[in-house]
Amino acid sequence: MNQLPLFRAEPAEPVQRPPDVAYIRKSLNRLLRLAREAQIMPWSEGETESWEKLFPQLAASLPAEESEPLTSAFRSELARLRFVDVNGARGAKTDR
């Protein structure tokens, strides 16, 4: 039995689906909430760098009036958390 017909000569073109804006919005808001609630950086250095690059790329899928404030708020939270990491917990909120 010849098995060559089982394999396609040319790879099929992947179907490009539109981004799931509701899922992206939910994920970005979850990340922003996590950063806002954190007293220290909630991610490793590598994860932080990754989110710093991915967050604006994902936010670009949303309308501009929604993506710009989200991205700006996320960058501000990263700056705050980095400041706390560098300067210690002196600038962070405490439970006492």
C-alpha atoms as a PDB file:
ATOM      1  CA  MET A   1       0.000   0.000   0.000  1.00  0.00           C
ATOM      2  CA  ASN A   2       1.326   3.396  -0.964  1.00  0.00           C
ATOM      3  CA  GLN A   3       1.214   5.876   1.955  1.00  0.00           C
ATOM      4  CA  LEU A   4       2.217   8.999   0.059  1.00  0.00           C
ATOM      5  CA  PRO A   5      -1.392  10.162  -0.394  1.00  0.00           C
ATOM      6  CA  LEU A   6      -1.560  10.474   3.411  1.00  0.00           C
ATOM      7  CA  PHE A   7       0.823  13.423   3.292  1.00  0.00           C
ATOM      8  CA  ARG A   8       0.016  16.713   1.630  1.00  0.00           C
ATOM      9  CA  ALA A   9       2.455  18.072  -0.886  1.00  0.00           C
ATOM     10  CA  GLU A  10       2.004  21.629   0.407  1.00  0.00           C
ATOM     11  CA  PRO A  11       1.370  22.637   4.008  1.00  0.00           C
ATOM     12  CA  ALA A  12      -2.065  24.075   4.599  1.00  0.00           C
ATOM     13  CA  GLU A  13      -2.265  27.794   5.282  1.00  0.00           C
ATOM     14  CA  PRO A  14      -3.215  28.409   8.901  1.00  0.00           C
ATOM     15  CA  VAL A  15      -6.517  30.175   9.331  1.00  0.00           C
ATOM     16  CA  GLN A  16      -5.967  33.595  10.896  1.00  0.00           C
ATOM     17  CA  ARG A  17      -8.548  34.161  13.608  1.00  0.00           C
ATOM     18  CA  PRO A  18      -9.352  37.614  14.923  1.00  0.00           C
ATOM     19  CA  PRO A  19      -8.059  38.266  18.443  1.00  0.00           C
ATOM     20  CA  ASP A  20     -10.443  37.553  21.315  1.00  0.00           C
ATOM     21  CA  VAL A  21     -10.702  41.118  22.590  1.00  0.00           C
ATOM     22  CA  ALA A  22     -12.754  40.160  25.669  1.00  0.00           C
ATOM     23  CA  TYR A  23     -10.133  37.602  26.726  1.00  0.00           C
ATOM     24  CA  ILE A  24      -7.276  40.058  26.133  1.00  0.00           C
ATOM     25  CA  ARG A  25      -9.090  42.776  28.112  1.00  0.00           C
ATOM     26  CA  LYS A  26      -9.723  40.379  31.007  1.00  0.00           C
ATOM     27  CA  SER A  27      -6.090  39.210  31.031  1.00  0.00           C
ATOM     28  CA  LEU A  28      -4.645  42.729  30.919  1.00  0.00           C
ATOM     29  CA  ASN A  29      -6.924  43.908  33.704  1.00  0.00           C
ATOM     30  CA  ARG A  30      -5.924  40.881  35.791  1.00  0.00           C
ATOM     31  CA  LEU A  31      -2.223  41.685  35.293  1.00  0.00           C
ATOM     32  CA  LEU A  32      -2.782  45.331  36.154  1.00  0.00           C
ATOM     33  CA  ARG A  33      -4.762  44.407  39.282  1.00  0.00           C
ATOM     34  CA  LEU A  34      -1.983  42.033  40.359  1.00  0.00           C
ATOM     35  CA  ALA A  35       0.618  44.785  39.935  1.00  0.00           C
ATOM     36  CA  ARG A  36      -1.517  47.352  41.790  1.00  0.00           C
ATOM     37  CA  GLU A  37      -2.090  45.039  44.750  1.00  0.00           C
ATOM     38  CA  ALA A  38       1.565  43.979  44.981  1.00  0.00           C
ATOM     39  CA  GLN A  39       3.898  45.462  47.563  1.00  0.00           C
ATOM     40  CA  ILE A  40       6.925  43.922  45.850  1.00  0.00           C
ATOM     41  CA  MET A  41       7.485  42.799  42.256  1.00  0.00           C
ATOM     42  CA  PRO A  42       5.180  39.789  41.749  1.00  0.00           C
ATOM     43  CA  TRP A  43       7.235  38.366  38.866  1.00  0.00           C
ATOM     44  CA  SER A  44      10.816  37.298  38.338  1.00  0.00           C
ATOM     45  CA  GLU A  45      13.090  39.635  36.374  1.00  0.00           C
ATOM     46  CA  GLY A  46      12.579  37.609  33.185  1.00  0.00           C
ATOM     47  CA  GLU A  47       8.792  37.496  33.585  1.00  0.00           C
ATOM     48  CA  THR A  48       8.704  41.234  34.267  1.00  0.00           C
ATOM     49  CA  GLU A  49      10.683  41.965  31.096  1.00  0.00           C
ATOM     50  CA  SER A  50       8.377  39.687  29.147  1.00  0.00           C
ATOM     51  CA  TRP A  51       5.196  41.363  30.457  1.00  0.00           C
ATOM     52  CA  GLU A  52       6.735  44.775  29.866  1.00  0.00           C
ATOM     53  CA  LYS A  53       7.025  43.892  26.167  1.00  0.00           C
ATOM     54  CA  LEU A  54       3.830  41.851  25.794  1.00  0.00           C
ATOM     55  CA  PHE A  55       1.422  44.121  27.655  1.00  0.00           C
ATOM     56  CA  PRO A  56       1.526  46.966  25.073  1.00  0.00           C
ATOM     57  CA  GLN A  57       1.408  44.481  22.196  1.00  0.00           C
ATOM     58  CA  LEU A  58      -1.705  42.822  23.611  1.00  0.00           C
ATOM     59  CA  ALA A  59      -3.252  46.175  24.510  1.00  0.00           C
ATOM     60  CA  ALA A  60      -2.882  47.259  20.875  1.00  0.00           C
ATOM     61  CA  SER A  61      -5.712  44.811  20.090  1.00  0.00           C
ATOM     62  CA  LEU A  62      -8.069  46.999  22.120  1.00  0.00           C
ATOM     63  CA  PRO A  63      -9.462  50.369  21.061  1.00  0.00           C
ATOM     64  CA  ALA A  64      -6.929  53.197  21.552  1.00  0.00           C
ATOM     65  CA  GLU A  65      -9.051  54.939  24.187  1.00  0.00           C
ATOM     66  CA  GLU A  66      -8.860  51.745  26.235  1.00  0.00           C
ATOM     67  CA  SER A  67      -5.339  50.511  25.466  1.00  0.00           C
ATOM     68  CA  GLU A  68      -3.437  53.734  26.196  1.00  0.00           C
ATOM     69  CA  PRO A  69      -4.663  54.186  29.811  1.00  0.00           C
ATOM     70  CA  LEU A  70      -4.126  50.479  30.548  1.00  0.00           C
ATOM     71  CA  THR A  71      -0.573  50.533  29.187  1.00  0.00           C
ATOM     72  CA  SER A  72       0.251  53.762  30.998  1.00  0.00           C
ATOM     73  CA  ALA A  73      -1.108  52.423  34.295  1.00  0.00           C
ATOM     74  CA  PHE A  74       0.852  49.171  33.892  1.00  0.00           C
ATOM     75  CA  ARG A  75       4.094  51.060  33.215  1.00  0.00           C
ATOM     76  CA  SER A  76       3.475  53.260  36.257  1.00  0.00           C
ATOM     77  CA  GLU A  77       2.936  50.218  38.459  1.00  0.00           C
ATOM     78  CA  LEU A  78       6.129  48.599  37.169  1.00  0.00           C
ATOM     79  CA  ALA A  79       8.034  51.806  37.941  1.00  0.00           C
ATOM     80  CA  ARG A  80       6.553  51.864  41.462  1.00  0.00           C
ATOM     81  CA  LEU A  81       7.438  48.222  42.079  1.00  0.00           C
ATOM     82  CA  ARG A  82      10.967  48.700  40.764  1.00  0.00           C
ATOM     83  CA  PHE A  83      11.387  51.706  43.054  1.00  0.00           C
ATOM     84  CA  VAL A  84      10.290  49.575  46.010  1.00  0.00           C
ATOM     85  CA  ASP A  85      12.687  46.790  44.970  1.00  0.00           C
ATOM     86  CA  VAL A  86      15.613  49.217  44.727  1.00  0.00           C
ATOM     87  CA  ASN A  87      14.828  51.252  47.842  1.00  0.00           C
ATOM     88  CA  GLY A  88      13.498  48.447  49.995  1.00  0.00           C
ATOM     89  CA  ALA A  89      10.136  48.290  51.654  1.00  0.00           C
ATOM     90  CA  ARG A  90      10.493  51.814  53.131  1.00  0.00           C
ATOM     91  CA  GLY A  91       8.269  53.250  50.413  1.00  0.00           C
ATOM     92  CA  ALA A  92       5.802  50.364  50.442  1.00  0.00           C
ATOM     93  CA  LYS A  93       2.575  50.183  52.404  1.00  0.00           C
ATOM     94  CA  THR A  94       2.733  48.099  55.556  1.00  0.00           C
ATOM     95  CA  ASP A  95       0.007  46.199  57.368  1.00  0.00           C
ATOM     96  CA  ARG A  96       1.005  47.625  60.760  1.00  0.00           C
END
